[in-house]
């Protein structure tokens, strides 16, 4: 059981290393298609598209990691991103150090 909690903690930490969070992904889009789409803006290092174990479908969101900050800006400068007729919702992931986080008392 301890191993499972370590894996979950590492998974949570690794998500902070991603540059962009993408939501509202159509069910029919695969991680390969996401990589291909976002590669027009730069080199995609990684695309993490989580799946639901019960349904077998992806959860309609993913994290994308690019090689450079300039590539991230290329993505964010485009007004809208549309895949298979659906507009994707993008949000830049901002990495924050533990010391920068506000405590619940603030």
N, C-alpha and C. Protein backbone atom coordinates (compact mmCIF):
# COMPACT_ATOMS: atom_id res chain seq x y z
N UNK A 1 0.81 -1.21 0.00
CA UNK A 1 0.00 0.00 0.00
C UNK A 1 0.84 1.26 0.00
N UNK A 2 1.95 1.23 0.68
CA UNK A 2 2.82 2.41 0.72
C UNK A 2 3.35 2.73 -0.68
N UNK A 3 3.60 1.69 -1.46
CA UNK A 3 4.11 1.91 -2.82
C UNK A 3 3.09 2.65 -3.67
N UNK A 4 1.81 2.33 -3.50
CA UNK A 4 0.76 3.01 -4.28
C UNK A 4 0.70 4.49 -3.94
N UNK A 5 0.85 4.83 -2.66
CA UNK A 5 0.81 6.24 -2.28
C UNK A 5 2.02 6.99 -2.80
N UNK A 6 3.16 6.32 -2.88
CA UNK A 6 4.36 6.94 -3.44
C UNK A 6 4.16 7.22 -4.92
N UNK A 7 3.57 6.26 -5.64
CA UNK A 7 3.31 6.44 -7.07
C UNK A 7 2.36 7.61 -7.29
N UNK A 8 1.30 7.71 -6.47
CA UNK A 8 0.36 8.83 -6.61
C UNK A 8 1.05 10.16 -6.33
N UNK A 9 1.92 10.21 -5.32
CA UNK A 9 2.62 11.45 -4.98
C UNK A 9 3.56 11.85 -6.11
N UNK A 10 4.26 10.90 -6.70
CA UNK A 10 5.16 11.20 -7.82
C UNK A 10 4.34 11.68 -9.00
N UNK A 11 3.19 11.08 -9.26
CA UNK A 11 2.32 11.52 -10.35
C UNK A 11 1.87 12.95 -10.16
N UNK A 12 1.52 13.32 -8.93
CA UNK A 12 1.10 14.70 -8.65
C UNK A 12 2.25 15.66 -8.87
N UNK A 13 3.44 15.28 -8.44
CA UNK A 13 4.60 16.15 -8.63
C UNK A 13 4.94 16.31 -10.09
N UNK A 14 4.84 15.22 -10.87
CA UNK A 14 5.22 15.29 -12.27
C UNK A 14 4.29 16.21 -13.05
N UNK A 15 3.03 16.32 -12.66
CA UNK A 15 2.11 17.21 -13.36
C UNK A 15 2.54 18.65 -13.26
N UNK A 16 3.24 19.00 -12.20
CA UNK A 16 3.72 20.38 -12.06
C UNK A 16 4.80 20.70 -13.08
N UNK A 17 5.41 19.68 -13.65
CA UNK A 17 6.47 19.89 -14.61
C UNK A 17 5.94 20.15 -16.02
N UNK A 18 4.63 19.98 -16.21
CA UNK A 18 4.05 20.21 -17.52
C UNK A 18 3.81 21.70 -17.73
N UNK A 19 3.78 22.10 -18.99
CA UNK A 19 3.64 23.51 -19.33
C UNK A 19 2.18 23.94 -19.50
N UNK A 20 1.37 23.07 -20.10
CA UNK A 20 0.00 23.46 -20.44
C UNK A 20 -0.97 22.35 -20.03
N UNK A 21 -2.08 22.78 -19.46
CA UNK A 21 -3.19 21.88 -19.15
C UNK A 21 -4.24 22.11 -20.22
N UNK A 22 -4.71 21.03 -20.83
CA UNK A 22 -5.70 21.11 -21.91
C UNK A 22 -6.96 20.37 -21.46
N UNK A 23 -8.12 21.04 -21.55
CA UNK A 23 -9.39 20.42 -21.17
C UNK A 23 -10.36 20.46 -22.34
N UNK A 24 -11.49 19.78 -22.16
CA UNK A 24 -12.56 19.70 -23.17
C UNK A 24 -12.10 19.00 -24.44
N UNK A 25 -11.27 17.99 -24.29
CA UNK A 25 -10.79 17.22 -25.44
C UNK A 25 -11.89 16.25 -25.87
N UNK A 26 -12.21 16.20 -27.16
CA UNK A 26 -13.22 15.25 -27.63
C UNK A 26 -12.81 13.81 -27.32
N UNK A 27 -13.80 12.96 -27.07
CA UNK A 27 -13.54 11.56 -26.73
C UNK A 27 -12.75 10.84 -27.81
N UNK A 28 -12.91 11.26 -29.05
CA UNK A 28 -12.32 10.56 -30.19
C UNK A 28 -10.86 10.93 -30.44
N UNK A 29 -10.33 11.90 -29.73
CA UNK A 29 -8.95 12.35 -29.93
C UNK A 29 -8.00 11.54 -29.05
N UNK A 30 -6.91 11.07 -29.64
CA UNK A 30 -5.91 10.27 -28.92
C UNK A 30 -4.71 11.14 -28.53
N UNK A 31 -3.85 10.59 -27.69
CA UNK A 31 -2.65 11.33 -27.29
C UNK A 31 -1.74 11.55 -28.51
N UNK A 32 -1.72 10.61 -29.44
CA UNK A 32 -0.93 10.77 -30.66
C UNK A 32 -1.42 11.97 -31.46
N UNK A 33 -2.75 12.10 -31.59
CA UNK A 33 -3.31 13.23 -32.32
C UNK A 33 -3.04 14.55 -31.60
N UNK A 34 -3.08 14.54 -30.28
CA UNK A 34 -2.76 15.75 -29.51
C UNK A 34 -1.31 16.16 -29.73
N UNK A 35 -0.40 15.19 -29.69
CA UNK A 35 1.02 15.48 -29.94
C UNK A 35 1.21 16.07 -31.34
N UNK A 36 0.55 15.46 -32.31
CA UNK A 36 0.66 15.95 -33.69
C UNK A 36 0.14 17.37 -33.81
N UNK A 37 -1.00 17.65 -33.19
CA UNK A 37 -1.58 18.99 -33.27
C UNK A 37 -0.66 20.02 -32.62
N UNK A 38 -0.20 19.75 -31.40
CA UNK A 38 0.60 20.73 -30.68
C UNK A 38 2.03 20.82 -31.19
N UNK A 39 2.48 19.85 -31.98
CA UNK A 39 3.83 19.92 -32.52
C UNK A 39 4.00 21.03 -33.56
N UNK A 40 2.88 21.58 -34.06
CA UNK A 40 2.99 22.72 -34.97
C UNK A 40 3.51 23.97 -34.26
N UNK A 41 3.46 23.98 -32.93
CA UNK A 41 3.91 25.13 -32.14
C UNK A 41 5.32 24.93 -31.60
N UNK A 42 5.82 23.71 -31.64
CA UNK A 42 7.15 23.41 -31.13
C UNK A 42 7.29 21.93 -30.82
N UNK A 43 8.40 21.60 -30.21
CA UNK A 43 8.70 20.21 -29.91
C UNK A 43 7.96 19.75 -28.65
N UNK A 44 7.04 18.80 -28.83
CA UNK A 44 6.28 18.27 -27.69
C UNK A 44 7.12 17.16 -27.06
N UNK A 45 7.52 17.37 -25.82
CA UNK A 45 8.31 16.36 -25.13
C UNK A 45 7.43 15.25 -24.59
N UNK A 46 6.24 15.63 -24.12
CA UNK A 46 5.38 14.64 -23.48
C UNK A 46 3.93 15.09 -23.51
N UNK A 47 3.05 14.13 -23.64
CA UNK A 47 1.61 14.37 -23.57
C UNK A 47 1.03 13.31 -22.63
N UNK A 48 0.47 13.75 -21.53
CA UNK A 48 -0.10 12.82 -20.56
C UNK A 48 -1.62 12.94 -20.60
N UNK A 49 -2.27 11.90 -21.13
CA UNK A 49 -3.72 11.85 -21.29
C UNK A 49 -4.24 10.73 -20.39
N UNK A 50 -4.74 11.06 -19.20
CA UNK A 50 -5.17 10.01 -18.27
C UNK A 50 -6.47 9.33 -18.69
N UNK A 51 -6.55 8.05 -18.41
CA UNK A 51 -7.73 7.25 -18.72
C UNK A 51 -8.46 6.85 -17.46
N UNK A 52 -9.77 6.67 -17.59
CA UNK A 52 -10.61 6.18 -16.50
C UNK A 52 -10.59 4.66 -16.55
N UNK A 53 -10.18 4.01 -15.48
CA UNK A 53 -10.09 2.55 -15.48
C UNK A 53 -11.45 1.89 -15.64
N UNK A 54 -12.49 2.51 -15.11
CA UNK A 54 -13.82 1.90 -15.16
C UNK A 54 -14.43 1.95 -16.56
N UNK A 55 -14.30 3.08 -17.23
CA UNK A 55 -14.94 3.25 -18.54
C UNK A 55 -14.02 2.89 -19.70
N UNK A 56 -12.71 3.03 -19.51
CA UNK A 56 -11.77 2.78 -20.60
C UNK A 56 -11.56 3.99 -21.50
N UNK A 57 -12.31 5.06 -21.25
CA UNK A 57 -12.17 6.29 -22.03
C UNK A 57 -11.22 7.24 -21.32
N UNK A 58 -10.62 8.15 -22.11
CA UNK A 58 -9.78 9.16 -21.45
C UNK A 58 -10.69 10.17 -20.76
N UNK A 59 -10.10 10.94 -19.86
CA UNK A 59 -10.88 11.83 -19.00
C UNK A 59 -11.14 13.21 -19.60
N UNK A 60 -10.82 13.38 -20.88
CA UNK A 60 -11.07 14.61 -21.64
C UNK A 60 -10.18 15.78 -21.23
N UNK A 61 -9.04 15.48 -20.60
CA UNK A 61 -8.05 16.51 -20.32
C UNK A 61 -6.66 15.89 -20.39
N UNK A 62 -5.65 16.73 -20.55
CA UNK A 62 -4.28 16.23 -20.61
C UNK A 62 -3.31 17.32 -20.20
N UNK A 63 -2.07 16.93 -20.06
CA UNK A 63 -0.98 17.87 -19.79
C UNK A 63 0.02 17.74 -20.93
N UNK A 64 0.54 18.87 -21.38
CA UNK A 64 1.51 18.90 -22.48
C UNK A 64 2.80 19.55 -21.98
N UNK A 65 3.93 18.94 -22.34
CA UNK A 65 5.25 19.47 -21.99
C UNK A 65 5.99 19.81 -23.26
N UNK A 66 6.46 21.05 -23.36
CA UNK A 66 7.24 21.52 -24.51
C UNK A 66 8.71 21.64 -24.14
N UNK A 67 9.55 21.79 -25.16
CA UNK A 67 11.00 21.88 -24.94
C UNK A 67 11.43 23.24 -24.40
N UNK A 68 10.76 24.31 -24.86
CA UNK A 68 11.19 25.65 -24.46
C UNK A 68 10.00 26.52 -24.08
N UNK A 69 10.22 27.56 -23.27
CA UNK A 69 9.15 28.50 -22.92
C UNK A 69 8.60 29.23 -24.15
N UNK A 70 9.43 29.45 -25.16
CA UNK A 70 8.98 30.13 -26.37
C UNK A 70 7.90 29.32 -27.08
N UNK A 71 8.05 28.01 -27.06
CA UNK A 71 7.05 27.14 -27.69
C UNK A 71 5.72 27.22 -26.95
N UNK A 72 5.78 27.32 -25.64
CA UNK A 72 4.56 27.47 -24.84
C UNK A 72 3.87 28.77 -25.22
N UNK A 73 4.64 29.83 -25.37
CA UNK A 73 4.07 31.13 -25.75
C UNK A 73 3.44 31.07 -27.13
N UNK A 74 4.05 30.30 -28.05
CA UNK A 74 3.47 30.12 -29.39
C UNK A 74 2.07 29.53 -29.29
N UNK A 75 1.89 28.56 -28.42
CA UNK A 75 0.58 27.93 -28.24
C UNK A 75 -0.41 28.92 -27.66
N UNK A 76 0.02 29.64 -26.63
CA UNK A 76 -0.88 30.54 -25.92
C UNK A 76 -1.27 31.76 -26.75
N UNK A 77 -0.45 32.13 -27.73
CA UNK A 77 -0.75 33.30 -28.56
C UNK A 77 -1.89 33.05 -29.54
N UNK A 78 -2.14 31.79 -29.87
CA UNK A 78 -3.23 31.48 -30.79
C UNK A 78 -4.56 31.65 -30.05
N UNK A 79 -5.52 32.31 -30.70
CA UNK A 79 -6.80 32.61 -30.06
C UNK A 79 -7.57 31.38 -29.63
N UNK A 80 -7.76 30.45 -30.54
CA UNK A 80 -8.52 29.25 -30.17
C UNK A 80 -7.90 28.02 -30.82
N UNK A 81 -8.04 26.93 -30.11
CA UNK A 81 -7.53 25.64 -30.58
C UNK A 81 -8.74 24.73 -30.74
N UNK A 82 -8.93 24.21 -31.96
CA UNK A 82 -10.09 23.39 -32.25
C UNK A 82 -9.64 22.04 -32.81
N UNK A 83 -10.11 20.98 -32.18
CA UNK A 83 -9.85 19.63 -32.65
C UNK A 83 -11.19 18.93 -32.85
N UNK A 84 -11.38 18.36 -34.01
CA UNK A 84 -12.60 17.63 -34.36
C UNK A 84 -13.86 18.43 -34.02
N UNK A 85 -13.82 19.73 -34.29
CA UNK A 85 -14.97 20.58 -34.11
C UNK A 85 -15.20 21.08 -32.69
N UNK A 86 -14.35 20.69 -31.76
CA UNK A 86 -14.50 21.13 -30.36
C UNK A 86 -13.38 22.09 -29.98
N UNK A 87 -13.74 23.17 -29.31
CA UNK A 87 -12.75 24.14 -28.85
C UNK A 87 -12.11 23.63 -27.56
N UNK A 88 -10.78 23.57 -27.58
CA UNK A 88 -10.03 23.13 -26.40
C UNK A 88 -9.86 24.28 -25.43
N UNK A 89 -9.86 23.98 -24.16
CA UNK A 89 -9.60 24.98 -23.11
C UNK A 89 -8.17 24.77 -22.63
N UNK A 90 -7.33 25.81 -22.77
CA UNK A 90 -5.93 25.71 -22.37
C UNK A 90 -5.64 26.60 -21.17
N UNK A 91 -4.76 26.11 -20.33
CA UNK A 91 -4.34 26.89 -19.17
C UNK A 91 -2.86 26.62 -18.96
N UNK A 92 -2.09 27.68 -18.82
CA UNK A 92 -0.65 27.52 -18.58
C UNK A 92 -0.43 27.06 -17.15
N UNK A 93 0.39 26.04 -17.00
CA UNK A 93 0.74 25.54 -15.68
C UNK A 93 1.87 26.42 -15.15
N UNK A 94 1.69 26.93 -13.96
CA UNK A 94 2.71 27.77 -13.35
C UNK A 94 3.34 26.99 -12.21
N UNK A 95 4.62 26.74 -12.34
CA UNK A 95 5.30 26.00 -11.27
C UNK A 95 5.60 26.95 -10.13
N UNK A 96 5.24 26.51 -8.95
CA UNK A 96 5.46 27.33 -7.76
C UNK A 96 6.22 26.51 -6.75
N UNK A 97 7.14 27.14 -6.11
CA UNK A 97 7.88 26.45 -5.05
C UNK A 97 7.03 26.43 -3.80
N UNK A 98 7.34 25.50 -2.95
CA UNK A 98 6.59 25.35 -1.71
C UNK A 98 6.58 26.64 -0.89
N UNK A 99 7.68 27.38 -0.91
CA UNK A 99 7.77 28.60 -0.12
C UNK A 99 6.91 29.72 -0.70
N UNK A 100 6.54 29.61 -1.98
CA UNK A 100 5.73 30.65 -2.61
C UNK A 100 4.24 30.44 -2.38
N UNK A 101 3.86 29.26 -1.97
CA UNK A 101 2.44 28.98 -1.77
C UNK A 101 1.93 29.71 -0.54
N UNK A 102 0.71 30.14 -0.65
CA UNK A 102 0.10 30.82 0.49
C UNK A 102 -0.39 29.78 1.48
N UNK A 103 -0.21 30.06 2.72
CA UNK A 103 -0.73 29.15 3.73
C UNK A 103 -2.23 29.37 3.87
N UNK A 104 -2.96 28.39 4.38
CA UNK A 104 -4.41 28.53 4.50
C UNK A 104 -4.82 29.71 5.40
N UNK A 105 -3.92 30.16 6.26
CA UNK A 105 -4.24 31.25 7.17
C UNK A 105 -4.18 32.61 6.50
N UNK A 106 -3.49 32.70 5.34
CA UNK A 106 -3.35 34.01 4.67
C UNK A 106 -4.58 34.38 3.90
